[in-house]
Every structure is written in C-alpha cells, then in structure tokens.
C-alpha cells in the first residue's frame, strides 16, 4: 500500500523540528504529530521511578549481613526475615545460681577467655552427644559470632529472650538456639552445657515434641552438624548470658524419634 504512512518514519525529525518551535500553532502541531514519543518517554519515566522506589524499599526493609552496629562499631550478623521455616523454641529459659562463688579465683576468671569457653562448650556438647548416638559437632567461627552478638544484645536488653529469626538466618535456614542465664563470677563452657543437659531427666523418649526439654533435645539432635557459642557478662560482673546456635537446627515436630535417642553405653554407639 503505497498510500499508507508510517508515523514512526518521521521519528528522526523530532529533534530538528523541536528547535524550530517559535509559535503556539507550531507547538500544538508538534505535540499532535509526535504524541507517541511523549507517551514512550512518559512510560519510561514512570518505570524508572518505580525501579528506584523498589530498590530503596529493598535496602530499607532487607538489611545486609554484617551490618555495622552504631552503638559498638562492630558487625552485627543480622538480616530481615525471608519467610523461612523455623524450629521450635522454648519459652522457658533456664537460670542457674552458683552457690560456691568462692570456688573460682580472680586469676582463673581473667585467664578463662571466650575462646577457651567455646572449646570447652564444644567438648562438653560432643561428650553428651556421644552418649546419645549423635555425631560430634564442628565449631563454626561465624556461628560463634552470631551467638556472641546475641549474648551482648541480651546484656543491653537486660532480659532473656530468643533472637528474632532474621538474626540467625544461615544457609537458607533459621538456626536453632539455646539460651541460659547464670548468676556467678564465671560461666564456663562445661557449666553452660550441663545447664541444658539437665533436662534429660524430664525427657520422654517415646513422645515427640516436649516443651520442657527443648534445650536438651537440641543439644543431642542427631541432624545437627555445626555449632557456635557465645557469652557476655553484665556490667556488675556478677551475671552472665549464655547462647548457643545450631545448624542444621533441631526441634522439628515429627522428627524426634529419629533424632533424639536414649542414652546408652558408649561402646554400643553407632553413628548414623
């Protein structure tokens, strides 16, 4: 059809005519002729604004990992929630008081640093896990940081509460978490582990989910492979908050029979 016209064929003449608009009639004619140009530009501006708004909302609502804590200047391992399923956490957090405050000398307290604390907690955990047919845990420095950061937060808050799920997001999962509050001059890794393991006496190995022994079941959960430990002392140096985080997490309903085994003789253990 030789008589047909292509409106886009004159697109190259837009700019040449744009600079020759010197009367209202020419301006009106120009906008009528090139209406599609302004439509495309308008849509582009709207899309650009929408993309920028989306980016701003993303960074506002989804903080990056290793965000700098403005209070301490240290990195906080924190991220917003991504809707990941989480393990069951107990509302009861054990509190223990040391009745033999004079048992630890000041020299021992000063010499017992966080690295020794973490190693001792790992050894105590694996000793108990061995008795329940679970493989030894591997200590993870990243998880140590997560646990220590939350212990410091608990000191700031001056209360016991589990960390929000985004705080312990790791490898597509929400970490399992055990907490404890200790009143005394020194919280050791072995002491912290025993606080949680004492729930063994309350656990029924023929029942699935049990609210009164979730610390114990997480400690010996067979599916868990990595762990991190943290602690923080209150400013008066008389109290401690202890934290452990576990990956993969335990305490999932309908999985207790295969992951929490009764205690038996060490020579009869067979690792899964």
C-alpha atoms as a PDB file:
ATOM      1  CA  UNK A   1       0.000   0.000   0.000  1.00  0.00           C
ATOM      2  CA  UNK A   2       1.881   2.983  -1.294  1.00  0.00           C
ATOM      3  CA  UNK A   3      -0.618   5.448   0.184  1.00  0.00           C
ATOM      4  CA  UNK A   4      -0.111   4.309   3.789  1.00  0.00           C
ATOM      5  CA  UNK A   5       2.011   6.362   6.143  1.00  0.00           C
ATOM      6  CA  UNK A   6       4.274   5.173   8.922  1.00  0.00           C
ATOM      7  CA  UNK A   7       4.146   7.541  11.913  1.00  0.00           C
ATOM      8  CA  UNK A   8       7.460   6.188  13.200  1.00  0.00           C
ATOM      9  CA  UNK A   9       9.176   7.010   9.945  1.00  0.00           C
ATOM     10  CA  UNK A  10       9.365  10.654  10.878  1.00  0.00           C
ATOM     11  CA  UNK A  11      10.847   9.959  14.314  1.00  0.00           C
ATOM     12  CA  UNK A  12      14.241  11.238  13.185  1.00  0.00           C
ATOM     13  CA  UNK A  13      12.692  14.626  12.524  1.00  0.00           C
ATOM     14  CA  UNK A  14      11.629  15.120  16.130  1.00  0.00           C
ATOM     15  CA  UNK A  15      14.706  16.953  17.285  1.00  0.00           C
ATOM     16  CA  UNK A  16      15.096  19.018  14.135  1.00  0.00           C
ATOM     17  CA  UNK A  17      11.541  20.315  14.499  1.00  0.00           C
ATOM     18  CA  UNK A  18      11.797  20.670  18.271  1.00  0.00           C
ATOM     19  CA  UNK A  19      14.241  23.577  17.960  1.00  0.00           C
ATOM     20  CA  UNK A  20      12.133  25.368  15.372  1.00  0.00           C
ATOM     21  CA  UNK A  21       9.046  25.815  17.565  1.00  0.00           C
ATOM     22  CA  UNK A  22       8.557  29.567  17.631  1.00  0.00           C
ATOM     23  CA  UNK A  23       4.757  29.906  17.750  1.00  0.00           C
ATOM     24  CA  UNK A  24       1.816  28.369  19.635  1.00  0.00           C
ATOM     25  CA  UNK A  25       0.480  26.835  16.439  1.00  0.00           C
ATOM     26  CA  UNK A  26       3.744  25.061  15.723  1.00  0.00           C
ATOM     27  CA  UNK A  27       3.905  23.776  19.317  1.00  0.00           C
ATOM     28  CA  UNK A  28       0.359  22.390  19.104  1.00  0.00           C
ATOM     29  CA  UNK A  29       1.040  20.781  15.744  1.00  0.00           C
ATOM     30  CA  UNK A  30       4.301  19.290  17.019  1.00  0.00           C
ATOM     31  CA  UNK A  31       2.653  17.595  20.001  1.00  0.00           C
ATOM     32  CA  UNK A  32      -0.146  16.237  17.811  1.00  0.00           C
ATOM     33  CA  UNK A  33       2.265  14.790  15.286  1.00  0.00           C
ATOM     34  CA  UNK A  34       4.667  13.209  17.754  1.00  0.00           C
ATOM     35  CA  UNK A  35       2.262  12.142  20.513  1.00  0.00           C
ATOM     36  CA  UNK A  36       3.740   8.620  20.621  1.00  0.00           C
ATOM     37  CA  UNK A  37       7.185   9.994  21.523  1.00  0.00           C
ATOM     38  CA  UNK A  38       5.835  11.653  24.627  1.00  0.00           C
ATOM     39  CA  UNK A  39       3.885   8.516  25.519  1.00  0.00           C
ATOM     40  CA  UNK A  40       7.052   6.407  25.341  1.00  0.00           C
ATOM     41  CA  UNK A  41       9.029   8.950  27.366  1.00  0.00           C
ATOM     42  CA  UNK A  42       6.287   9.152  29.996  1.00  0.00           C
ATOM     43  CA  UNK A  43       6.165   5.369  30.370  1.00  0.00           C
ATOM     44  CA  UNK A  44       9.955   5.281  30.662  1.00  0.00           C
ATOM     45  CA  UNK A  45       9.951   7.890  33.416  1.00  0.00           C
ATOM     46  CA  UNK A  46       7.262   6.014  35.337  1.00  0.00           C
ATOM     47  CA  UNK A  47       9.196   2.727  35.044  1.00  0.00           C
ATOM     48  CA  UNK A  48      12.424   4.431  36.163  1.00  0.00           C
ATOM     49  CA  UNK A  49      10.706   5.918  39.214  1.00  0.00           C
ATOM     50  CA  UNK A  50       9.135   2.540  40.074  1.00  0.00           C
ATOM     51  CA  UNK A  51      12.503   0.757  39.854  1.00  0.00           C
ATOM     52  CA  UNK A  52      14.179   3.327  42.097  1.00  0.00           C
ATOM     53  CA  UNK A  53      11.360   3.098  44.654  1.00  0.00           C
ATOM     54  CA  UNK A  54      11.653  -0.706  44.655  1.00  0.00           C
ATOM     55  CA  UNK A  55      15.425  -0.533  45.225  1.00  0.00           C
ATOM     56  CA  UNK A  56      15.004   1.930  48.095  1.00  0.00           C
ATOM     57  CA  UNK A  57      12.342  -0.264  49.721  1.00  0.00           C
ATOM     58  CA  UNK A  58      14.565  -3.326  49.363  1.00  0.00           C
ATOM     59  CA  UNK A  59      17.534  -1.793  51.147  1.00  0.00           C
ATOM     60  CA  UNK A  60      15.280  -0.268  53.765  1.00  0.00           C
ATOM     61  CA  UNK A  61      13.466  -3.479  54.667  1.00  0.00           C
ATOM     62  CA  UNK A  62      16.248  -6.014  53.979  1.00  0.00           C
ATOM     63  CA  UNK A  63      19.427  -5.069  55.788  1.00  0.00           C
ATOM     64  CA  UNK A  64      22.635  -6.594  54.582  1.00  0.00           C
ATOM     65  CA  UNK A  65      24.552  -9.184  56.586  1.00  0.00           C
ATOM     66  CA  UNK A  66      27.392  -7.835  58.695  1.00  0.00           C
ATOM     67  CA  UNK A  67      25.662  -4.522  59.320  1.00  0.00           C
ATOM     68  CA  UNK A  68      27.691  -2.181  61.496  1.00  0.00           C
ATOM     69  CA  UNK A  69      26.208  -1.691  64.944  1.00  0.00           C
ATOM     70  CA  UNK A  70      26.210   2.095  65.540  1.00  0.00           C
ATOM     71  CA  UNK A  71      26.486   1.522  69.284  1.00  0.00           C
ATOM     72  CA  UNK A  72      29.623  -0.613  69.358  1.00  0.00           C
ATOM     73  CA  UNK A  73      31.036  -0.120  65.876  1.00  0.00           C
ATOM     74  CA  UNK A  74      31.139  -3.902  65.438  1.00  0.00           C
ATOM     75  CA  UNK A  75      29.485  -6.043  62.815  1.00  0.00           C
ATOM     76  CA  UNK A  76      26.102  -7.476  63.703  1.00  0.00           C
ATOM     77  CA  UNK A  77      25.119 -10.597  61.804  1.00  0.00           C
ATOM     78  CA  UNK A  78      21.580  -9.510  61.048  1.00  0.00           C
ATOM     79  CA  UNK A  79      19.151  -9.700  58.159  1.00  0.00           C
ATOM     80  CA  UNK A  80      15.425  -9.269  57.685  1.00  0.00           C
ATOM     81  CA  UNK A  81      13.088 -12.236  57.631  1.00  0.00           C
ATOM     82  CA  UNK A  82      12.728 -14.127  54.346  1.00  0.00           C
ATOM     83  CA  UNK A  83       9.842 -16.369  55.435  1.00  0.00           C
ATOM     84  CA  UNK A  84      11.971 -19.399  56.304  1.00  0.00           C
ATOM     85  CA  UNK A  85      10.507 -22.162  58.450  1.00  0.00           C
ATOM     86  CA  UNK A  86      11.929 -22.126  61.956  1.00  0.00           C
ATOM     87  CA  UNK A  87      12.495 -24.753  64.650  1.00  0.00           C
ATOM     88  CA  UNK A  88      10.525 -24.839  67.869  1.00  0.00           C
ATOM     89  CA  UNK A  89      11.948 -22.644  70.644  1.00  0.00           C
ATOM     90  CA  UNK A  90      11.125 -22.986  74.301  1.00  0.00           C
ATOM     91  CA  UNK A  91       9.685 -20.076  76.253  1.00  0.00           C
ATOM     92  CA  UNK A  92      11.343 -21.384  79.399  1.00  0.00           C
ATOM     93  CA  UNK A  93      14.985 -20.308  79.628  1.00  0.00           C
ATOM     94  CA  UNK A  94      16.999 -21.810  82.495  1.00  0.00           C
ATOM     95  CA  UNK A  95      18.503 -19.624  85.198  1.00  0.00           C
ATOM     96  CA  UNK A  96      21.191 -21.002  87.483  1.00  0.00           C
ATOM     97  CA  UNK A  97      22.898 -19.536  90.517  1.00  0.00           C
ATOM     98  CA  UNK A  98      26.370 -20.578  91.591  1.00  0.00           C
ATOM     99  CA  UNK A  99      26.230 -21.328  95.311  1.00  0.00           C
ATOM    100  CA  UNK A 100      30.021 -21.600  95.538  1.00  0.00           C
ATOM    101  CA  UNK A 101      31.117 -18.143  94.444  1.00  0.00           C
ATOM    102  CA  UNK A 102      34.481 -18.556  96.126  1.00  0.00           C
ATOM    103  CA  UNK A 103      35.362 -21.624  94.027  1.00  0.00           C
ATOM    104  CA  UNK A 104      36.803 -19.522  91.207  1.00  0.00           C
ATOM    105  CA  UNK A 105      39.776 -17.343  91.912  1.00  0.00           C
ATOM    106  CA  UNK A 106      40.129 -13.956  90.171  1.00  0.00           C
ATOM    107  CA  UNK A 107      43.200 -15.298  88.375  1.00  0.00           C
ATOM    108  CA  UNK A 108      41.202 -18.183  86.906  1.00  0.00           C
ATOM    109  CA  UNK A 109      38.422 -15.859  85.769  1.00  0.00           C
ATOM    110  CA  UNK A 110      40.805 -13.494  83.993  1.00  0.00           C
ATOM    111  CA  UNK A 111      42.631 -16.371  82.305  1.00  0.00           C
ATOM    112  CA  UNK A 112      39.466 -18.029  81.006  1.00  0.00           C
ATOM    113  CA  UNK A 113      38.745 -16.189  77.757  1.00  0.00           C
ATOM    114  CA  UNK A 114      35.956 -16.657  75.220  1.00  0.00           C
ATOM    115  CA  UNK A 115      37.995 -18.985  73.002  1.00  0.00           C
ATOM    116  CA  UNK A 116      38.544 -21.403  75.898  1.00  0.00           C
ATOM    117  CA  UNK A 117      34.883 -21.090  76.759  1.00  0.00           C
ATOM    118  CA  UNK A 118      33.840 -22.090  73.218  1.00  0.00           C
ATOM    119  CA  UNK A 119      36.250 -25.038  73.047  1.00  0.00           C
ATOM    120  CA  UNK A 120      35.108 -26.348  76.432  1.00  0.00           C
ATOM    121  CA  UNK A 121      31.435 -25.986  75.465  1.00  0.00           C
ATOM    122  CA  UNK A 122      32.103 -27.904  72.238  1.00  0.00           C
ATOM    123  CA  UNK A 123      33.846 -30.724  74.084  1.00  0.00           C
ATOM    124  CA  UNK A 124      31.034 -30.958  76.646  1.00  0.00           C
ATOM    125  CA  UNK A 125      28.406 -30.970  73.896  1.00  0.00           C
ATOM    126  CA  UNK A 126      30.145 -33.744  71.982  1.00  0.00           C
ATOM    127  CA  UNK A 127      30.625 -35.801  75.120  1.00  0.00           C
ATOM    128  CA  UNK A 128      26.882 -35.808  75.757  1.00  0.00           C
ATOM    129  CA  UNK A 129      26.046 -36.319  72.081  1.00  0.00           C
ATOM    130  CA  UNK A 130      28.264 -39.398  72.015  1.00  0.00           C
ATOM    131  CA  UNK A 131      26.147 -40.908  74.771  1.00  0.00           C
ATOM    132  CA  UNK A 132      23.022 -40.411  72.661  1.00  0.00           C
ATOM    133  CA  UNK A 133      24.348 -41.768  69.360  1.00  0.00           C
ATOM    134  CA  UNK A 134      24.847 -38.368  67.689  1.00  0.00           C
ATOM    135  CA  UNK A 135      27.897 -37.392  65.644  1.00  0.00           C
ATOM    136  CA  UNK A 136      30.263 -34.769  67.118  1.00  0.00           C
ATOM    137  CA  UNK A 137      29.576 -31.164  66.233  1.00  0.00           C
ATOM    138  CA  UNK A 138      32.009 -28.931  64.357  1.00  0.00           C
ATOM    139  CA  UNK A 139      32.630 -25.468  65.754  1.00  0.00           C
ATOM    140  CA  UNK A 140      31.913 -22.635  63.303  1.00  0.00           C
ATOM    141  CA  UNK A 141      33.518 -19.210  63.854  1.00  0.00           C
ATOM    142  CA  UNK A 142      30.692 -17.466  62.038  1.00  0.00           C
ATOM    143  CA  UNK A 143      28.187 -19.110  64.377  1.00  0.00           C
ATOM    144  CA  UNK A 144      30.351 -18.147  67.347  1.00  0.00           C
ATOM    145  CA  UNK A 145      29.979 -14.549  66.186  1.00  0.00           C
ATOM    146  CA  UNK A 146      26.201 -14.895  65.861  1.00  0.00           C
ATOM    147  CA  UNK A 147      25.923 -16.333  69.387  1.00  0.00           C
ATOM    148  CA  UNK A 148      28.252 -13.738  70.917  1.00  0.00           C
ATOM    149  CA  UNK A 149      26.427 -10.875  69.240  1.00  0.00           C
ATOM    150  CA  UNK A 150      23.103 -12.020  70.665  1.00  0.00           C
ATOM    151  CA  UNK A 151      24.589 -12.521  74.145  1.00  0.00           C
ATOM    152  CA  UNK A 152      25.722  -8.886  74.016  1.00  0.00           C
ATOM    153  CA  UNK A 153      22.258  -7.834  72.907  1.00  0.00           C
ATOM    154  CA  UNK A 154      20.749  -9.656  75.884  1.00  0.00           C
ATOM    155  CA  UNK A 155      23.026  -7.733  78.231  1.00  0.00           C
ATOM    156  CA  UNK A 156      21.866  -4.482  76.619  1.00  0.00           C
ATOM    157  CA  UNK A 157      18.223  -5.521  76.911  1.00  0.00           C
ATOM    158  CA  UNK A 158      18.778  -6.915  80.418  1.00  0.00           C
ATOM    159  CA  UNK A 159      16.275  -9.683  79.770  1.00  0.00           C
ATOM    160  CA  UNK A 160      16.135 -13.228  78.445  1.00  0.00           C
ATOM    161  CA  UNK A 161      14.529 -13.694  75.055  1.00  0.00           C
ATOM    162  CA  UNK A 162      15.244 -15.619  71.896  1.00  0.00           C
ATOM    163  CA  UNK A 163      16.752 -13.714  68.998  1.00  0.00           C
ATOM    164  CA  UNK A 164      14.442 -12.794  66.099  1.00  0.00           C
ATOM    165  CA  UNK A 165      14.518 -15.263  63.237  1.00  0.00           C
ATOM    166  CA  UNK A 166      16.296 -12.861  60.840  1.00  0.00           C
ATOM    167  CA  UNK A 167      19.169 -12.528  63.320  1.00  0.00           C
ATOM    168  CA  UNK A 168      20.143 -16.170  62.883  1.00  0.00           C
ATOM    169  CA  UNK A 169      19.391 -16.789  59.236  1.00  0.00           C
ATOM    170  CA  UNK A 170      22.127 -19.038  57.856  1.00  0.00           C
ATOM    171  CA  UNK A 171      22.413 -21.086  54.643  1.00  0.00           C
ATOM    172  CA  UNK A 172      18.690 -20.950  53.903  1.00  0.00           C
ATOM    173  CA  UNK A 173      17.652 -21.898  57.415  1.00  0.00           C
ATOM    174  CA  UNK A 174      16.930 -20.372  60.802  1.00  0.00           C
ATOM    175  CA  UNK A 175      19.496 -21.569  63.341  1.00  0.00           C
ATOM    176  CA  UNK A 176      18.445 -23.464  66.429  1.00  0.00           C
ATOM    177  CA  UNK A 177      19.179 -21.590  69.634  1.00  0.00           C
ATOM    178  CA  UNK A 178      19.712 -22.384  73.331  1.00  0.00           C
ATOM    179  CA  UNK A 179      19.850 -19.654  75.992  1.00  0.00           C
ATOM    180  CA  UNK A 180      20.738 -19.583  79.674  1.00  0.00           C
ATOM    181  CA  UNK A 181      21.231 -17.034  82.438  1.00  0.00           C
ATOM    182  CA  UNK A 182      23.932 -17.684  85.010  1.00  0.00           C
ATOM    183  CA  UNK A 183      24.496 -15.875  88.300  1.00  0.00           C
ATOM    184  CA  UNK A 184      28.102 -16.182  89.395  1.00  0.00           C
ATOM    185  CA  UNK A 185      31.634 -14.959  88.730  1.00  0.00           C
ATOM    186  CA  UNK A 186      32.454 -17.324  85.837  1.00  0.00           C
ATOM    187  CA  UNK A 187      30.339 -19.075  83.194  1.00  0.00           C
ATOM    188  CA  UNK A 188      32.350 -21.935  81.696  1.00  0.00           C
ATOM    189  CA  UNK A 189      31.533 -23.901  78.569  1.00  0.00           C
ATOM    190  CA  UNK A 190      31.038 -27.101  80.540  1.00  0.00           C
ATOM    191  CA  UNK A 191      28.759 -25.410  83.049  1.00  0.00           C
ATOM    192  CA  UNK A 192      26.617 -23.886  80.315  1.00  0.00           C
ATOM    193  CA  UNK A 193      26.245 -27.255  78.581  1.00  0.00           C
ATOM    194  CA  UNK A 194      25.232 -29.010  81.789  1.00  0.00           C
ATOM    195  CA  UNK A 195      22.514 -26.421  82.459  1.00  0.00           C
ATOM    196  CA  UNK A 196      20.805 -27.528  79.258  1.00  0.00           C
ATOM    197  CA  UNK A 197      21.587 -31.222  79.546  1.00  0.00           C
ATOM    198  CA  UNK A 198      19.859 -31.469  82.942  1.00  0.00           C
ATOM    199  CA  UNK A 199      16.556 -31.525  81.055  1.00  0.00           C
ATOM    200  CA  UNK A 200      17.460 -35.107  80.145  1.00  0.00           C
ATOM    201  CA  UNK A 201      15.702 -36.243  83.319  1.00  0.00           C
ATOM    202  CA  UNK A 202      12.461 -34.648  82.101  1.00  0.00           C
ATOM    203  CA  UNK A 203      12.542 -36.000  78.553  1.00  0.00           C
ATOM    204  CA  UNK A 204      10.287 -38.869  77.474  1.00  0.00           C
ATOM    205  CA  UNK A 205      11.910 -40.623  74.529  1.00  0.00           C
ATOM    206  CA  UNK A 206       8.574 -42.134  73.488  1.00  0.00           C
ATOM    207  CA  UNK A 207       6.933 -38.746  72.921  1.00  0.00           C
ATOM    208  CA  UNK A 208       7.522 -36.290  70.088  1.00  0.00           C
ATOM    209  CA  UNK A 209       7.645 -32.558  70.863  1.00  0.00           C
ATOM    210  CA  UNK A 210       8.139 -31.701  74.562  1.00  0.00           C
ATOM    211  CA  UNK A 211       8.156 -28.114  75.780  1.00  0.00           C
ATOM    212  CA  UNK A 212      10.099 -28.853  78.983  1.00  0.00           C
ATOM    213  CA  UNK A 213      13.167 -30.399  77.340  1.00  0.00           C
ATOM    214  CA  UNK A 214      13.796 -28.442  74.146  1.00  0.00           C
ATOM    215  CA  UNK A 215      17.285 -27.361  75.248  1.00  0.00           C
ATOM    216  CA  UNK A 216      18.305 -30.971  75.809  1.00  0.00           C
ATOM    217  CA  UNK A 217      16.792 -32.240  72.552  1.00  0.00           C
ATOM    218  CA  UNK A 218      18.582 -29.548  70.539  1.00  0.00           C
ATOM    219  CA  UNK A 219      21.867 -30.353  72.262  1.00  0.00           C
ATOM    220  CA  UNK A 220      21.755 -34.048  71.237  1.00  0.00           C
ATOM    221  CA  UNK A 221      19.806 -33.630  67.955  1.00  0.00           C
ATOM    222  CA  UNK A 222      21.405 -36.094  65.535  1.00  0.00           C
ATOM    223  CA  UNK A 223      20.783 -33.986  62.422  1.00  0.00           C
ATOM    224  CA  UNK A 224      22.767 -31.021  63.751  1.00  0.00           C
ATOM    225  CA  UNK A 225      26.335 -30.696  62.436  1.00  0.00           C
ATOM    226  CA  UNK A 226      27.685 -27.229  63.341  1.00  0.00           C
ATOM    227  CA  UNK A 227      27.528 -25.068  66.446  1.00  0.00           C
ATOM    228  CA  UNK A 228      28.572 -21.680  67.759  1.00  0.00           C
ATOM    229  CA  UNK A 229      28.851 -20.454  71.356  1.00  0.00           C
ATOM    230  CA  UNK A 230      28.762 -17.009  72.899  1.00  0.00           C
ATOM    231  CA  UNK A 231      28.553 -15.404  76.318  1.00  0.00           C
ATOM    232  CA  UNK A 232      28.511 -11.934  77.779  1.00  0.00           C
ATOM    233  CA  UNK A 233      28.890 -10.685  81.350  1.00  0.00           C
ATOM    234  CA  UNK A 234      26.715  -7.951  82.804  1.00  0.00           C
ATOM    235  CA  UNK A 235      28.366  -4.656  83.798  1.00  0.00           C
ATOM    236  CA  UNK A 236      28.296  -5.591  87.510  1.00  0.00           C
ATOM    237  CA  UNK A 237      30.347  -8.722  86.638  1.00  0.00           C
ATOM    238  CA  UNK A 238      28.011 -10.937  88.652  1.00  0.00           C
ATOM    239  CA  UNK A 239      25.807 -12.400  85.924  1.00  0.00           C
ATOM    240  CA  UNK A 240      26.191 -13.992  82.509  1.00  0.00           C
ATOM    241  CA  UNK A 241      24.080 -14.593  79.427  1.00  0.00           C
ATOM    242  CA  UNK A 242      24.991 -17.755  77.511  1.00  0.00           C
ATOM    243  CA  UNK A 243      23.973 -18.546  73.927  1.00  0.00           C
ATOM    244  CA  UNK A 244      24.467 -21.468  71.540  1.00  0.00           C
ATOM    245  CA  UNK A 245      23.274 -21.630  67.933  1.00  0.00           C
ATOM    246  CA  UNK A 246      22.983 -24.833  65.900  1.00  0.00           C
ATOM    247  CA  UNK A 247      22.975 -25.763  62.202  1.00  0.00           C
ATOM    248  CA  UNK A 248      21.018 -27.511  60.879  1.00  0.00           C
ATOM    249  CA  UNK A 249      18.515 -26.716  63.633  1.00  0.00           C
ATOM    250  CA  UNK A 250      16.712 -29.335  65.676  1.00  0.00           C
ATOM    251  CA  UNK A 251      13.371 -29.489  67.475  1.00  0.00           C
ATOM    252  CA  UNK A 252      11.211 -30.055  64.422  1.00  0.00           C
ATOM    253  CA  UNK A 253       7.913 -31.846  65.125  1.00  0.00           C
ATOM    254  CA  UNK A 254       7.567 -35.450  63.937  1.00  0.00           C
ATOM    255  CA  UNK A 255      11.363 -35.895  63.829  1.00  0.00           C
ATOM    256  CA  UNK A 256      12.170 -36.588  67.475  1.00  0.00           C
ATOM    257  CA  UNK A 257      12.168 -40.372  67.356  1.00  0.00           C
ATOM    258  CA  UNK A 258      14.964 -40.447  64.794  1.00  0.00           C
ATOM    259  CA  UNK A 259      16.989 -37.522  66.155  1.00  0.00           C
ATOM    260  CA  UNK A 260      16.792 -37.775  69.959  1.00  0.00           C
ATOM    261  CA  UNK A 261      17.994 -41.179  71.126  1.00  0.00           C
ATOM    262  CA  UNK A 262      18.064 -42.590  74.684  1.00  0.00           C
ATOM    263  CA  UNK A 263      21.392 -42.664  76.468  1.00  0.00           C
ATOM    264  CA  UNK A 264      23.317 -45.922  76.172  1.00  0.00           C
ATOM    265  CA  UNK A 265      26.806 -47.332  76.736  1.00  0.00           C
ATOM    266  CA  UNK A 266      29.488 -45.699  74.609  1.00  0.00           C
ATOM    267  CA  UNK A 267      30.748 -48.972  73.174  1.00  0.00           C
ATOM    268  CA  UNK A 268      27.321 -49.661  71.698  1.00  0.00           C
ATOM    269  CA  UNK A 269      27.088 -46.381  69.799  1.00  0.00           C
ATOM    270  CA  UNK A 270      26.800 -46.426  66.038  1.00  0.00           C
ATOM    271  CA  UNK A 271      26.864 -43.156  64.223  1.00  0.00           C
ATOM    272  CA  UNK A 272      24.266 -42.541  61.561  1.00  0.00           C
END
